Amino acid sequence: MNLNLIKIFKKKNTKGFTLMEVIIALFIFAVGIIAIYVMTTFTISSTIHVSNKFTAAYLVQEGIELVRNIRDTNWLQGTGHTWNEQLATFNCNGTCDEVINGCIVDYKHSYSPLTPEDPDLPAYNGQFLNIDSDVFYSYSAGSQTKFKRKVSIDASTADILKVCVRVEWKEKGNPNQITAQENLYNWR
């Protein structure tokens, strides 16, 4: 009978885990959970950064389109108005490299030469763009965003406007910017 007890005792000991096996299993499990957490955090952070870059790129393109729209509106107004009216002004005169000179444009204002609402494009003073309930960015109503847009126009060459639009924002305390340049011509 003693022999049977020893066999049963040996069987029970061979079926269980040792303390070392449990510690190693818990360590591997903890490393896996931490890795998943780090990857998730990195993915969320990267998604936010990419989203901000896309928004800034669209705001840069919109700035160029707004200047192009003012030029085209000047042509449509006909006689008595130059093609670069309101664009070759003191407020906008500058280049991409300049920090100070520049102006602001948005869809909320009329820049038509026939409407004296805004005789010149307003000067850029580091204003933040706002976003309204219709998801339009402007400098008027809405809640403030993290984006600033500066438009600089170099009109020193006849029949060419060198338009530069820069959008700046801060993300996690780090400055970011996207810049685009385009030449607009008096092709009429």
Protein backbone atom coordinates (compact mmCIF):
# COMPACT_ATOMS: atom_id res chain seq x y z
CA MET A 1 0.00 0.00 0.00
CA ASN A 2 2.89 2.34 0.62
CA LEU A 3 3.98 1.82 -2.94
CA ASN A 4 0.57 3.00 -4.26
CA LEU A 5 0.73 6.16 -2.15
CA ILE A 6 4.13 7.00 -3.53
CA LYS A 7 2.87 6.55 -7.12
CA ILE A 8 -0.13 8.82 -6.47
CA PHE A 9 2.09 11.43 -4.82
CA LYS A 10 4.50 11.39 -7.75
CA LYS A 11 1.62 11.72 -10.25
CA LYS A 12 0.24 14.79 -8.48
CA ASN A 13 3.62 16.52 -8.45
CA THR A 14 4.20 16.04 -12.15
CA LYS A 15 0.87 17.61 -13.19
CA GLY A 16 1.33 21.04 -11.53
CA PHE A 17 3.35 24.18 -12.38
CA THR A 18 6.42 25.24 -10.51
CA LEU A 19 6.65 28.73 -9.06
CA MET A 20 9.29 29.61 -11.64
CA GLU A 21 7.01 28.62 -14.53
CA VAL A 22 4.21 30.82 -13.14
CA ILE A 23 6.55 33.82 -12.76
CA ILE A 24 7.85 33.41 -16.34
CA ALA A 25 4.29 33.12 -17.70
CA LEU A 26 3.20 36.27 -15.82
CA PHE A 27 6.25 38.14 -17.09
CA ILE A 28 5.52 37.21 -20.71
CA PHE A 29 1.87 38.21 -20.26
CA ALA A 30 2.85 41.58 -18.71
CA VAL A 31 5.33 42.32 -21.53
CA GLY A 32 2.60 41.57 -24.09
CA ILE A 33 0.09 43.88 -22.39
CA ILE A 34 2.65 46.70 -22.12
CA ALA A 35 3.58 46.29 -25.80
CA ILE A 36 -0.07 46.54 -26.85
CA TYR A 37 -0.54 49.67 -24.71
CA VAL A 38 2.56 51.35 -26.18
CA MET A 39 1.52 50.50 -29.75
CA THR A 40 -2.00 51.83 -29.16
CA THR A 41 -0.69 55.08 -27.66
CA PHE A 42 1.76 55.55 -30.54
CA THR A 43 -0.96 54.86 -33.12
CA ILE A 44 -3.33 57.40 -31.58
CA SER A 45 -0.58 60.03 -31.38
CA SER A 46 0.44 59.40 -35.01
CA THR A 47 -3.18 59.61 -36.16
CA ILE A 48 -3.62 63.01 -34.50
CA HIS A 49 -0.38 64.29 -36.04
CA VAL A 50 -1.34 63.11 -39.53
CA SER A 51 -4.82 64.60 -39.15
CA ASN A 52 -3.32 67.98 -38.21
CA LYS A 53 -0.96 67.82 -41.20
CA PHE A 54 -3.86 67.10 -43.56
CA THR A 55 -5.89 69.98 -42.12
CA ALA A 56 -2.91 72.33 -42.45
CA ALA A 57 -2.30 71.22 -46.04
CA TYR A 58 -5.91 71.92 -46.93
CA LEU A 59 -5.75 75.33 -45.24
CA VAL A 60 -2.63 76.18 -47.25
CA GLN A 61 -4.34 75.18 -50.49
CA GLU A 62 -7.45 77.14 -49.49
CA GLY A 63 -5.30 80.25 -48.94
CA ILE A 64 -3.91 80.01 -52.45
CA GLU A 65 -7.40 79.43 -53.87
CA LEU A 66 -8.70 82.51 -52.03
CA VAL A 67 -6.00 84.70 -53.58
CA ARG A 68 -6.72 83.18 -57.00
CA ASN A 69 -10.43 83.91 -56.44
CA ILE A 70 -9.68 87.58 -55.70
CA ARG A 71 -7.59 87.83 -58.88
CA ASP A 72 -10.36 86.22 -60.95
CA THR A 73 -13.01 88.46 -59.39
CA ASN A 74 -10.90 91.50 -60.33
CA TRP A 75 -10.94 90.32 -63.96
CA LEU A 76 -14.70 89.77 -63.89
CA GLN A 77 -15.35 93.26 -62.52
CA GLY A 78 -14.10 94.69 -65.78
CA THR A 79 -12.78 98.14 -66.55
CA GLY A 80 -11.40 100.42 -63.90
CA HIS A 81 -9.93 97.59 -61.85
CA THR A 82 -6.52 96.05 -62.14
CA TRP A 83 -6.06 92.29 -62.08
CA ASN A 84 -4.02 92.48 -58.86
CA GLU A 85 -6.15 95.06 -57.05
CA GLN A 86 -6.16 94.44 -53.28
CA LEU A 87 -3.44 91.82 -53.71
CA ALA A 88 -0.41 94.04 -54.31
CA THR A 89 -1.00 95.94 -51.06
CA PHE A 90 1.26 96.89 -48.21
CA ASN A 91 -0.30 94.37 -45.80
CA CYS A 92 0.37 91.38 -48.04
CA ASN A 93 3.71 92.47 -49.47
CA GLY A 94 6.37 89.97 -48.45
CA THR A 95 7.93 86.60 -49.01
CA CYS A 96 7.63 83.21 -47.35
CA ASP A 97 10.79 83.71 -45.35
CA GLU A 98 9.55 86.86 -43.61
CA VAL A 99 8.01 86.33 -40.22
CA ILE A 100 6.20 89.64 -39.90
CA ASN A 101 4.79 90.78 -43.26
CA GLY A 102 1.69 89.10 -44.54
CA CYS A 103 -2.09 89.25 -44.55
CA ILE A 104 -5.10 87.09 -43.80
CA VAL A 105 -7.88 85.92 -46.10
CA ASP A 106 -10.97 83.80 -45.58
CA TYR A 107 -14.34 83.09 -47.20
CA LYS A 108 -16.32 85.22 -44.74
CA HIS A 109 -15.26 88.57 -46.24
CA SER A 110 -15.97 90.11 -49.61
CA TYR A 111 -12.77 91.13 -51.37
CA SER A 112 -14.51 92.44 -54.45
CA PRO A 113 -13.20 95.82 -55.68
CA LEU A 114 -16.82 96.94 -56.03
CA THR A 115 -17.52 96.39 -52.33
CA PRO A 116 -15.61 98.75 -50.10
CA GLU A 117 -16.13 96.47 -47.06
CA ASP A 118 -12.43 95.62 -46.89
CA PRO A 119 -10.34 98.05 -48.95
CA ASP A 120 -7.18 96.06 -48.20
CA LEU A 121 -6.59 92.55 -46.99
CA PRO A 122 -6.18 92.69 -43.20
CA ALA A 123 -2.65 92.41 -41.84
CA TYR A 124 -1.45 89.16 -40.30
CA ASN A 125 -0.82 89.56 -36.58
CA GLY A 126 -0.54 85.93 -35.54
CA GLN A 127 -4.31 85.43 -35.39
CA PHE A 128 -5.66 81.93 -34.93
CA LEU A 129 -8.22 80.62 -37.39
CA ASN A 130 -11.66 79.83 -35.97
CA ILE A 131 -13.94 76.99 -36.99
CA ASP A 132 -17.69 77.58 -37.06
CA SER A 133 -20.65 75.21 -36.74
CA ASP A 134 -20.64 74.68 -40.54
CA VAL A 135 -17.01 73.50 -40.30
CA PHE A 136 -15.63 76.53 -42.15
CA TYR A 137 -12.35 78.09 -41.07
CA SER A 138 -12.36 81.87 -40.81
CA TYR A 139 -11.16 84.72 -38.63
CA SER A 140 -14.65 85.68 -37.49
CA ALA A 141 -17.18 83.56 -35.57
CA GLY A 142 -16.51 80.11 -34.20
CA SER A 143 -14.23 78.43 -31.74
CA GLN A 144 -10.49 79.02 -31.92
CA THR A 145 -8.32 76.35 -33.52
CA LYS A 146 -4.59 75.70 -33.21
CA PHE A 147 -3.91 76.87 -36.78
CA LYS A 148 -2.57 80.23 -38.00
CA ARG A 149 -2.48 81.10 -41.71
CA LYS A 150 -0.33 83.85 -43.22
CA VAL A 151 -0.50 84.90 -46.86
CA SER A 152 2.44 86.75 -48.39
CA ILE A 153 2.40 88.15 -51.91
CA ASP A 154 5.46 89.34 -53.78
CA ALA A 155 4.22 91.65 -56.55
CA SER A 156 7.64 93.02 -57.51
CA THR A 157 7.54 91.39 -60.96
CA ALA A 158 5.12 92.79 -63.54
CA ASP A 159 2.23 90.46 -64.39
CA ILE A 160 3.26 87.88 -61.74
CA LEU A 161 2.10 87.51 -58.15
CA LYS A 162 4.30 85.18 -56.14
CA VAL A 163 1.85 83.86 -53.55
CA CYS A 164 3.12 82.10 -50.45
CA VAL A 165 0.82 80.63 -47.81
CA ARG A 166 2.11 79.30 -44.51
CA VAL A 167 0.04 77.47 -41.90
CA GLU A 168 1.54 77.06 -38.44
CA TRP A 169 0.38 75.12 -35.38
CA LYS A 170 1.77 73.66 -32.20
CA GLU A 171 1.43 70.04 -31.29
CA LYS A 172 2.63 68.78 -27.91
CA GLY A 173 4.53 72.06 -27.56
CA ASN A 174 6.45 71.55 -30.80
CA PRO A 175 6.01 74.05 -33.65
CA ASN A 176 4.89 72.68 -37.03
CA GLN A 177 4.31 74.40 -40.34
CA ILE A 178 3.37 73.71 -43.93
CA THR A 179 4.17 76.18 -46.69
CA ALA A 180 3.13 76.34 -50.33
CA GLN A 181 4.04 78.77 -53.09
CA GLU A 182 2.40 79.46 -56.39
CA ASN A 183 2.76 82.06 -59.13
CA LEU A 184 -0.42 83.74 -60.35
CA TYR A 185 -0.19 85.44 -63.73
CA ASN A 186 -1.97 88.25 -65.49
CA TRP A 187 -2.69 86.16 -68.55
CA ARG A 188 -5.43 88.40 -69.92
